[in-house]
Protein backbone atom coordinates (compact mmCIF):
# COMPACT_ATOMS: atom_id res chain seq x y z
CA UNK A 1 112.83 48.84 93.32
CA UNK A 2 113.12 51.28 90.40
CA UNK A 3 114.37 54.82 90.72
CA UNK A 4 110.89 56.18 89.94
CA UNK A 5 109.33 53.97 92.60
CA UNK A 6 111.87 55.08 95.17
CA UNK A 7 111.20 58.69 94.25
CA UNK A 8 107.45 58.19 94.69
CA UNK A 9 108.06 56.60 98.11
CA UNK A 10 110.25 59.52 99.11
CA UNK A 11 107.58 61.98 97.98
CA UNK A 12 104.93 60.09 99.94
CA UNK A 13 107.01 59.88 103.10
CA UNK A 14 106.44 62.52 105.75
CA UNK A 15 109.18 65.04 106.41
CA UNK A 16 112.10 63.83 108.50
CA UNK A 17 111.11 65.83 111.63
CA UNK A 18 107.63 64.26 111.51
CA UNK A 19 109.08 60.77 111.13
CA UNK A 20 111.43 61.47 114.01
CA UNK A 21 108.62 62.62 116.28
CA UNK A 22 106.50 59.59 115.41
CA UNK A 23 109.44 57.28 116.06
CA UNK A 24 110.05 59.00 119.39
CA UNK A 25 106.36 58.54 120.29
CA UNK A 26 106.65 54.82 119.53
CA UNK A 27 109.68 54.49 121.81
CA UNK A 28 108.01 56.42 124.66
CA UNK A 29 104.74 54.48 124.34
CA UNK A 30 106.47 51.14 124.75
CA UNK A 31 108.41 52.27 127.80
CA UNK A 32 105.26 53.83 129.25
CA UNK A 33 103.85 50.31 129.50
CA UNK A 34 106.75 49.23 131.68
CA UNK A 35 106.24 52.03 134.20
CA UNK A 36 102.46 51.71 134.07
CA UNK A 37 102.65 48.08 135.15
CA UNK A 38 105.15 48.97 137.87
CA UNK A 39 102.68 51.31 139.59
CA UNK A 40 99.14 50.44 138.49
CA UNK A 41 98.85 47.34 140.70
CA UNK A 42 99.83 49.10 143.94
CA UNK A 43 96.34 50.48 144.59
CA UNK A 44 94.84 47.10 143.63
CA UNK A 45 96.41 45.24 146.56
CA UNK A 46 93.37 45.49 148.90
CA UNK A 47 91.01 44.46 146.06
CA UNK A 48 93.28 41.51 145.26
CA UNK A 49 93.06 40.44 148.90
CA UNK A 50 89.28 40.47 148.80
CA UNK A 51 89.03 38.76 145.40
CA UNK A 52 91.70 36.03 145.46
CA UNK A 53 92.32 35.64 149.23
CA UNK A 54 96.08 35.13 148.85
CA UNK A 55 98.34 34.10 151.69
CA UNK A 56 100.05 37.04 153.39
CA UNK A 57 103.47 35.98 152.06
CA UNK A 58 102.11 35.65 148.50
CA UNK A 59 100.57 39.11 148.28
CA UNK A 60 103.80 41.12 147.73
CA UNK A 61 104.74 38.66 144.97
CA UNK A 62 101.72 39.74 142.93
CA UNK A 63 103.58 43.06 142.64
CA UNK A 64 107.19 41.85 142.80
CA UNK A 65 107.09 38.82 140.44
CA UNK A 66 107.09 41.29 137.57
CA UNK A 67 110.05 43.18 138.97
CA UNK A 68 112.16 40.14 139.91
CA UNK A 69 112.04 38.64 136.42
CA UNK A 70 112.39 42.09 134.88
CA UNK A 71 115.56 42.74 136.88
CA UNK A 72 117.03 39.32 136.17
CA UNK A 73 116.58 39.51 132.39
CA UNK A 74 117.39 43.16 131.68
CA UNK A 75 121.11 42.63 131.19
CA UNK A 76 120.49 39.68 128.87
CA UNK A 77 117.89 41.71 126.97
CA UNK A 78 120.38 44.54 126.49
CA UNK A 79 123.00 42.19 125.09
CA UNK A 80 120.48 40.57 122.75
CA UNK A 81 119.28 43.96 121.54
CA UNK A 82 122.87 44.97 120.76
CA UNK A 83 123.55 41.74 118.88
CA UNK A 84 120.26 40.88 117.16
CA UNK A 85 118.90 44.36 116.52
CA UNK A 86 117.11 46.70 118.92
CA UNK A 87 114.05 47.14 116.70
CA UNK A 88 113.51 43.39 116.34
CA UNK A 89 113.72 42.82 120.10
CA UNK A 90 111.47 45.82 120.76
CA UNK A 91 108.69 44.63 118.42
CA UNK A 92 108.75 41.07 119.78
CA UNK A 93 108.63 42.33 123.37
CA UNK A 94 105.68 44.64 122.62
CA UNK A 95 103.70 41.79 121.07
CA UNK A 96 104.38 39.51 124.04
CA UNK A 97 103.48 42.27 126.51
CA UNK A 98 100.04 42.73 124.96
CA UNK A 99 99.26 38.99 124.90
CA UNK A 100 100.47 38.35 128.45
CA UNK A 101 98.45 41.26 129.82
CA UNK A 102 95.27 39.53 128.64
CA UNK A 103 96.37 36.32 130.40
CA UNK A 104 96.98 38.24 133.65
CA UNK A 105 93.49 39.75 133.45
CA UNK A 106 92.03 36.23 133.19
CA UNK A 107 94.08 34.73 136.07
CA UNK A 108 91.81 32.47 138.17
CA UNK A 109 93.97 32.46 141.32
CA UNK A 110 96.99 34.08 142.96
CA UNK A 111 99.48 31.54 141.61
CA UNK A 112 98.35 32.12 138.04
CA UNK A 113 98.53 35.88 138.51
CA UNK A 114 102.05 35.67 139.93
CA UNK A 115 103.14 33.46 137.01
CA UNK A 116 101.56 35.85 134.52
CA UNK A 117 103.25 38.82 136.14
CA UNK A 118 106.59 37.02 135.96
CA UNK A 119 106.16 36.40 132.22
CA UNK A 120 105.08 40.02 131.80
CA UNK A 121 108.34 41.02 133.46
CA UNK A 122 110.25 39.02 130.85
CA UNK A 123 108.48 40.91 128.06
CA UNK A 124 109.10 44.23 129.81
CA UNK A 125 112.80 43.40 130.07
CA UNK A 126 112.96 43.34 126.29
CA UNK A 127 111.43 46.80 126.00
CA UNK A 128 113.62 49.06 128.12
CA UNK A 129 117.21 48.56 126.85
CA UNK A 130 115.98 48.17 123.26
CA UNK A 131 113.94 51.38 123.49
CA UNK A 132 116.93 53.31 124.83
CA UNK A 133 119.20 51.93 122.12
CA UNK A 134 116.64 53.04 119.53
CA UNK A 135 116.44 56.46 121.15
CA UNK A 136 120.23 56.82 121.04
CA UNK A 137 120.20 55.90 117.34
CA UNK A 138 117.46 58.48 116.79
CA UNK A 139 119.53 61.23 118.51
CA UNK A 140 123.19 60.87 117.49
CA UNK A 141 124.22 64.29 118.86
CA UNK A 142 125.28 63.92 122.57
CA UNK A 143 123.56 67.12 123.75
CA UNK A 144 120.41 66.33 121.80
CA UNK A 145 120.54 62.77 123.09
CA UNK A 146 120.59 63.95 126.69
CA UNK A 147 117.58 66.20 126.09
CA UNK A 148 115.79 63.40 124.25
CA UNK A 149 116.34 61.03 127.17
CA UNK A 150 114.87 63.63 129.52
CA UNK A 151 111.79 63.93 127.29
CA UNK A 152 111.59 60.13 126.96
CA UNK A 153 111.70 59.73 130.74
CA UNK A 154 109.05 62.43 131.21
CA UNK A 155 106.63 61.02 128.64
CA UNK A 156 107.27 57.47 129.80
CA UNK A 157 106.67 58.73 133.33
CA UNK A 158 103.03 59.24 132.41
CA UNK A 159 102.78 55.53 133.14
CA UNK A 160 103.99 55.96 136.71
CA UNK A 161 101.77 59.02 137.24
CA UNK A 162 98.66 57.59 135.60
CA UNK A 163 99.09 54.12 137.12
CA UNK A 164 97.67 54.71 140.62
CA UNK A 165 94.88 57.05 139.43
CA UNK A 166 93.90 54.96 136.42
CA UNK A 167 94.19 51.77 138.45
CA UNK A 168 92.05 53.18 141.24
CA UNK A 169 89.34 54.26 138.82
CA UNK A 170 89.31 50.92 137.02
CA UNK A 171 89.16 49.00 140.29
CA UNK A 172 86.11 50.95 141.41
CA UNK A 173 84.58 50.45 137.96
CA UNK A 174 85.06 46.70 137.66
CA UNK A 175 87.83 45.29 139.86
CA UNK A 176 91.54 44.64 139.57
CA UNK A 177 91.32 42.62 136.34
CA UNK A 178 90.61 45.75 134.33
CA UNK A 179 94.03 47.21 135.13
CA UNK A 180 95.69 44.71 132.79
CA UNK A 181 93.36 45.42 129.87
CA UNK A 182 94.82 48.91 129.49
CA UNK A 183 98.04 47.47 128.08
CA UNK A 184 96.99 45.90 124.73
CA UNK A 185 95.71 49.15 123.12
CA UNK A 186 98.90 51.01 124.11
CA UNK A 187 101.05 48.16 122.82
CA UNK A 188 99.15 48.18 119.51
CA UNK A 189 99.72 51.91 119.10
CA UNK A 190 103.42 51.49 119.84
CA UNK A 191 103.60 48.62 117.32
CA UNK A 192 102.09 50.81 114.59
CA UNK A 193 104.62 53.53 115.35
CA UNK A 194 107.44 50.96 115.49
CA UNK A 195 107.38 50.78 111.70
CA UNK A 196 109.07 54.20 111.73
CA UNK A 197 111.72 53.33 114.29
CA UNK A 198 115.40 53.45 113.26
CA UNK A 199 117.22 50.15 112.91
CA UNK A 200 120.71 50.49 114.44
CA UNK A 201 123.03 47.76 113.16
CA UNK A 202 123.48 44.68 115.31
CA UNK A 203 126.91 44.51 116.91
CA UNK A 204 127.53 40.98 115.67
CA UNK A 205 125.51 40.96 112.46
CA UNK A 206 125.42 37.58 110.77
CA UNK A 207 127.34 35.88 113.59
CA UNK A 208 125.31 36.69 116.69
CA UNK A 209 124.72 33.14 117.88
CA UNK A 210 128.36 32.09 117.71
CA UNK A 211 129.65 35.26 119.40
CA UNK A 212 127.01 35.33 122.14
CA UNK A 213 128.40 34.70 125.62
CA UNK A 214 125.84 32.09 126.66
CA UNK A 215 127.50 31.12 129.99
CA UNK A 216 127.78 34.78 130.93
CA UNK A 217 124.13 35.44 130.08
CA UNK A 218 122.97 32.39 132.04
CA UNK A 219 125.05 33.22 135.11
CA UNK A 220 124.20 36.94 135.11
CA UNK A 221 120.48 36.25 134.72
CA UNK A 222 120.57 33.60 137.46
CA UNK A 223 122.55 35.83 139.81
CA UNK A 224 120.33 38.90 139.38
CA UNK A 225 117.09 36.92 139.64
CA UNK A 226 118.26 34.94 142.69
CA UNK A 227 119.56 38.05 144.44
CA UNK A 228 116.32 39.96 143.86
CA UNK A 229 114.24 36.93 144.92
CA UNK A 230 116.24 36.54 148.11
CA UNK A 231 116.03 40.23 148.96
CA UNK A 232 112.26 40.23 148.49
CA UNK A 233 111.91 37.13 150.69
CA UNK A 234 114.13 38.76 153.31
CA UNK A 235 111.77 41.72 153.44
CA UNK A 236 108.76 39.39 153.78
CA UNK A 237 110.01 36.50 155.94
CA UNK A 238 113.05 38.03 157.69
CA UNK A 239 116.77 37.76 157.01
CA UNK A 240 117.14 34.50 158.95
CA UNK A 241 114.58 32.61 156.84
CA UNK A 242 116.03 29.95 154.46
CA UNK A 243 113.90 31.26 151.54
CA UNK A 244 115.87 34.50 151.93
CA UNK A 245 119.47 33.51 152.57
CA UNK A 246 119.37 30.44 150.30
CA UNK A 247 118.80 32.45 147.08
CA UNK A 248 121.17 35.20 148.25
CA UNK A 249 123.93 32.63 148.82
CA UNK A 250 123.19 31.14 145.40
CA UNK A 251 123.39 34.60 143.85
CA UNK A 252 126.80 35.23 145.43
CA UNK A 253 128.07 31.91 144.05
CA UNK A 254 126.69 32.78 140.60
CA UNK A 255 128.37 36.20 140.70
CA UNK A 256 131.68 34.55 141.65
CA UNK A 257 131.35 32.07 138.80
CA UNK A 258 130.41 34.91 136.44
CA UNK A 259 133.60 36.78 137.35
CA UNK A 260 135.72 33.71 136.57
CA UNK A 261 133.90 32.95 133.31
CA UNK A 262 133.98 36.52 132.04
CA UNK A 263 137.76 36.72 132.39
CA UNK A 264 138.05 34.04 129.68
CA UNK A 265 135.11 35.09 127.49
CA UNK A 266 135.91 36.50 124.05
CA UNK A 267 132.80 38.73 124.16
CA UNK A 268 131.79 39.11 127.85
CA UNK A 269 128.15 39.78 128.60
CA UNK A 270 129.11 42.72 130.85
CA UNK A 271 132.37 44.11 129.47
CA UNK A 272 134.92 45.00 132.18
CA UNK A 273 135.72 48.20 130.28
CA UNK A 274 132.16 49.35 130.99
CA UNK A 275 132.28 48.71 134.73
CA UNK A 276 135.74 50.27 134.96
CA UNK A 277 134.28 53.71 134.19
CA UNK A 278 133.59 55.66 137.44
CA UNK A 279 130.73 57.55 135.79
CA UNK A 280 129.05 54.25 134.89
CA UNK A 281 129.36 52.96 138.45
CA UNK A 282 127.96 56.21 139.88
CA UNK A 283 125.00 56.06 137.49
CA UNK A 284 124.21 52.49 138.52
CA UNK A 285 124.38 53.30 142.24
CA UNK A 286 122.13 56.35 141.89
CA UNK A 287 119.61 54.38 139.82
CA UNK A 288 119.42 51.56 142.38
CA UNK A 289 118.97 53.85 145.39
CA UNK A 290 116.46 56.17 143.73
CA UNK A 291 114.30 53.26 142.53
CA UNK A 292 114.48 51.65 145.99
CA UNK A 293 113.16 54.88 147.50
CA UNK A 294 110.67 55.87 144.80
CA UNK A 295 108.91 52.57 144.09
CA UNK A 296 109.22 51.26 147.63
CA UNK A 297 107.76 54.53 148.95
CA UNK A 298 104.98 54.43 146.34
CA UNK A 299 103.94 50.94 147.44
CA UNK A 300 104.17 51.78 151.15
CA UNK A 301 102.14 54.99 150.90
CA UNK A 302 99.51 53.55 148.50
CA UNK A 303 98.66 50.78 150.98
CA UNK A 304 98.88 53.06 154.03
CA UNK A 305 96.59 55.71 152.54
CA UNK A 306 93.86 53.09 152.09
CA UNK A 307 94.31 51.35 155.43
CA UNK A 308 95.17 54.20 157.80
CA UNK A 309 93.10 56.96 156.20
CA UNK A 310 90.22 54.88 154.86
CA UNK A 311 90.59 56.17 151.31
CA UNK A 312 89.05 54.40 148.33
CA UNK A 313 91.40 53.05 145.61
CA UNK A 314 90.66 56.07 143.39
CA UNK A 315 91.14 58.53 146.25
CA UNK A 316 94.40 56.82 147.20
CA UNK A 317 95.54 57.08 143.59
CA UNK A 318 94.73 60.79 143.53
CA UNK A 319 96.53 61.24 146.87
CA UNK A 320 99.66 59.75 145.27
CA UNK A 321 99.80 62.41 142.53
CA UNK A 322 102.37 64.54 144.42
CA UNK A 323 104.65 61.50 144.16
CA UNK A 324 103.86 60.44 140.59
CA UNK A 325 102.90 63.57 138.62
CA UNK A 326 106.38 65.20 138.76
CA UNK A 327 107.65 62.17 136.82
CA UNK A 328 105.79 63.61 133.80
CA UNK A 329 107.35 67.07 134.10
CA UNK A 330 110.70 67.08 135.86
CA UNK A 331 112.69 64.80 133.49
CA UNK A 332 112.37 67.46 130.76
CA UNK A 333 114.36 69.76 133.04
CA UNK A 334 116.62 66.99 134.35
CA UNK A 335 117.91 66.32 130.84
CA UNK A 336 118.74 69.99 130.40
CA UNK A 337 120.37 70.18 133.84
CA UNK A 338 122.60 67.21 133.02
CA UNK A 339 123.48 68.70 129.64
CA UNK A 340 124.42 72.02 131.23
CA UNK A 341 125.99 71.08 134.58
CA UNK A 342 126.90 67.41 134.24
CA UNK A 343 125.31 64.42 135.94
CA UNK A 344 127.10 64.47 139.29
CA UNK A 345 125.37 67.56 140.81
CA UNK A 346 122.01 66.22 139.64
CA UNK A 347 122.62 62.76 141.10
CA UNK A 348 123.89 64.21 144.38
CA UNK A 349 120.75 66.33 144.67
CA UNK A 350 118.62 63.26 144.04
CA UNK A 351 120.37 61.31 146.79
CA UNK A 352 119.92 64.26 149.17
CA UNK A 353 116.20 64.26 148.37
CA UNK A 354 116.09 60.56 149.28
CA UNK A 355 117.56 61.33 152.70
CA UNK A 356 115.12 64.26 153.13
CA UNK A 357 112.18 61.97 152.38
CA UNK A 358 113.45 59.66 155.09
CA UNK A 359 113.57 62.50 157.62
CA UNK A 360 109.96 63.46 156.79
CA UNK A 361 108.77 59.86 157.22
CA UNK A 362 110.56 59.71 160.57
CA UNK A 363 108.65 62.83 161.63
CA UNK A 364 105.36 61.32 160.44
CA UNK A 365 105.55 58.57 163.07
CA UNK A 366 103.30 55.54 163.31
CA UNK A 367 100.14 57.43 164.20
CA UNK A 368 97.67 59.29 162.02
CA UNK A 369 100.20 61.69 160.51
CA UNK A 370 98.95 64.97 159.01
CA UNK A 371 98.39 64.60 155.28
CA UNK A 372 100.54 67.69 154.46
CA UNK A 373 103.52 65.89 155.99
CA UNK A 374 102.78 62.81 153.85
CA UNK A 375 102.52 65.05 150.78
CA UNK A 376 105.88 66.64 151.63
CA UNK A 377 107.47 63.17 151.85
CA UNK A 378 105.89 62.27 148.50
CA UNK A 379 107.35 65.38 146.89
CA UNK A 380 110.82 64.56 148.25
CA UNK A 381 110.56 61.01 146.89
CA UNK A 382 109.40 62.46 143.56
CA UNK A 383 112.47 64.72 143.47
CA UNK A 384 114.72 61.73 144.16
CA UNK A 385 113.20 59.73 141.34
CA UNK A 386 112.86 62.48 138.75
CA UNK A 387 116.42 63.70 139.23
CA UNK A 388 118.30 60.45 139.69
CA UNK A 389 116.55 58.03 137.32
CA UNK A 390 116.71 60.12 134.11
CA UNK A 391 120.01 61.60 135.27
CA UNK A 392 121.52 58.12 135.57
CA UNK A 393 120.13 57.09 132.16
CA UNK A 394 121.57 60.23 130.55
CA UNK A 395 124.92 59.67 132.23
CA UNK A 396 125.04 56.06 131.04
CA UNK A 397 124.11 57.13 127.51
CA UNK A 398 127.03 59.57 127.42
CA UNK A 399 129.60 57.55 129.38
CA UNK A 400 129.08 54.12 127.76
CA UNK A 401 130.73 53.42 124.38
CA UNK A 402 128.27 53.58 121.47
CA UNK A 403 128.69 49.89 120.61
CA UNK A 404 127.65 48.96 124.18
CA UNK A 405 124.66 51.32 124.39
CA UNK A 406 121.97 48.69 124.97
CA UNK A 407 124.27 46.56 127.15
CA UNK A 408 124.96 49.56 129.40
CA UNK A 409 121.29 50.49 129.59
CA UNK A 410 120.36 46.86 130.27
CA UNK A 411 122.81 46.75 133.18
CA UNK A 412 121.56 50.11 134.47
CA UNK A 413 117.93 49.07 134.31
CA UNK A 414 118.70 45.67 135.78
CA UNK A 415 120.08 47.25 138.92
CA UNK A 416 117.23 49.78 138.87
CA UNK A 417 114.63 47.03 138.95
CA UNK A 418 116.53 45.12 141.62
CA UNK A 419 116.35 48.32 143.67
CA UNK A 420 112.62 48.63 142.96
CA UNK A 421 111.90 45.05 144.05
CA UNK A 422 113.95 45.45 147.20
CA UNK A 423 112.23 48.77 147.97
CA UNK A 424 108.78 47.20 147.74
CA UNK A 425 109.85 44.24 149.87
CA UNK A 426 111.73 46.19 152.55
CA UNK A 427 109.74 49.42 152.86
CA UNK A 428 106.45 47.58 152.43
CA UNK A 429 107.14 45.14 155.27
CA UNK A 430 108.84 47.31 157.90
CA UNK A 431 105.50 47.94 159.60
CA UNK A 432 105.53 51.72 159.76
CA UNK A 433 106.72 55.00 158.32
CA UNK A 434 109.56 55.66 160.83
CA UNK A 435 111.33 52.40 159.98
CA UNK A 436 111.13 53.19 156.26
CA UNK A 437 112.34 56.72 156.96
CA UNK A 438 115.41 55.50 158.83
CA UNK A 439 116.36 53.21 155.95
CA UNK A 440 116.03 56.06 153.43
CA UNK A 441 118.18 58.41 155.51
CA UNK A 442 120.98 55.85 155.71
CA UNK A 443 121.03 54.75 152.07
CA UNK A 444 120.52 58.27 150.68
CA UNK A 445 123.41 59.68 152.70
CA UNK A 446 125.72 56.75 151.91
CA UNK A 447 124.96 56.93 148.17
CA UNK A 448 125.64 60.68 148.08
CA UNK A 449 129.04 60.12 149.67
CA UNK A 450 129.97 57.32 147.24
CA UNK A 451 128.85 59.33 144.19
CA UNK A 452 130.91 62.29 145.37
CA UNK A 453 133.97 60.07 145.70
CA UNK A 454 133.34 58.50 142.28
CA UNK A 455 133.26 61.97 140.74
CA UNK A 456 136.59 62.84 142.33
CA UNK A 457 138.08 59.58 141.00
CA UNK A 458 136.77 60.30 137.49
CA UNK A 459 138.38 63.77 137.50
CA UNK A 460 141.73 62.29 138.54
């Protein structure tokens, strides 16, 4: 290109702040899809029952197939984004997400829907770590990066907030198939904006295939997927059922093999230096517990509001706004809180909110609990999610080395989605609010204690 041509291109280009805002919008739009598909199907469960007549054990898999595959592939997707280029992975994942959403909308039976949701989870796995790596490249300053992650989480959280309401409205308009047809237009908009995304250099440019730790990727993906599958089956069939303990045993064997393989790998898929950081471990624990509580509670309450209170899908979606709407607002403040006070106080507050939500669900009992008490539990779950999830992402972005940005975010989001799948399986199958409340009290309190101890270790 000649100098004059380059000058004309520079004159025609929008100012840098405009380009930056458009690039940020492209990153947030892609991640919005991931959260939208996590929540939009919850209010569709009764309509799915009437339309496809699935077996009782198959119904949770219409929701969880997406999450299981998502969790299993996130770490691999983070490594691939680091090595092959975050923008390339992001664009390919967006394209696949749009196409697979159309296939899910056309599913003729439950098995086809579950398969489509699983493939959609694979596409979603490519979006999250790549989008965070792109966001980190867009905001090189650590303080600005923390604020940007808070804004990214808030704008992306529109998906979680809009999911139940939008899904409920679409179901009443034309049935559950319409909920999948929302995705292609959003993916197209994100693809158009993706032209303006930064292109951080691949960590192994020109030699990615030879340096890639294929055994580590295979074992980590197998272990995460098998563990999540087994945990979901345990919540559905019981812990003594072979479909539960068989995959869990296989996952433990895969994790043991992964440990042995990674000790000899020249470029391990999950670098030991990353896991050795106490701040990284605390972020991963907080992310897992908060997603267990938030998404498991969302599923539990969405179904209960329709069955116990006789609400329509749209009304149930509106009743979930105290749980989902704060996701659009609070992360803006969470990013600033982490930047000012550090992540540990924010994560500890989020874990305390998880325990508080459990106490409120215990008080609600199995009867026709007053709606204000349900709303209070929703607000506590919202506080847990909006403090801990963006707080953990911001902590990982600061604590992880720059060359492992997508790998760290892939690991973080992998354990997040494992927590989400387990939350849906366990809280959705306990049979009542008190049982779910007791679980939340225990895990919230235990996580707060472990995060406090991790902070003390990091200071030493």
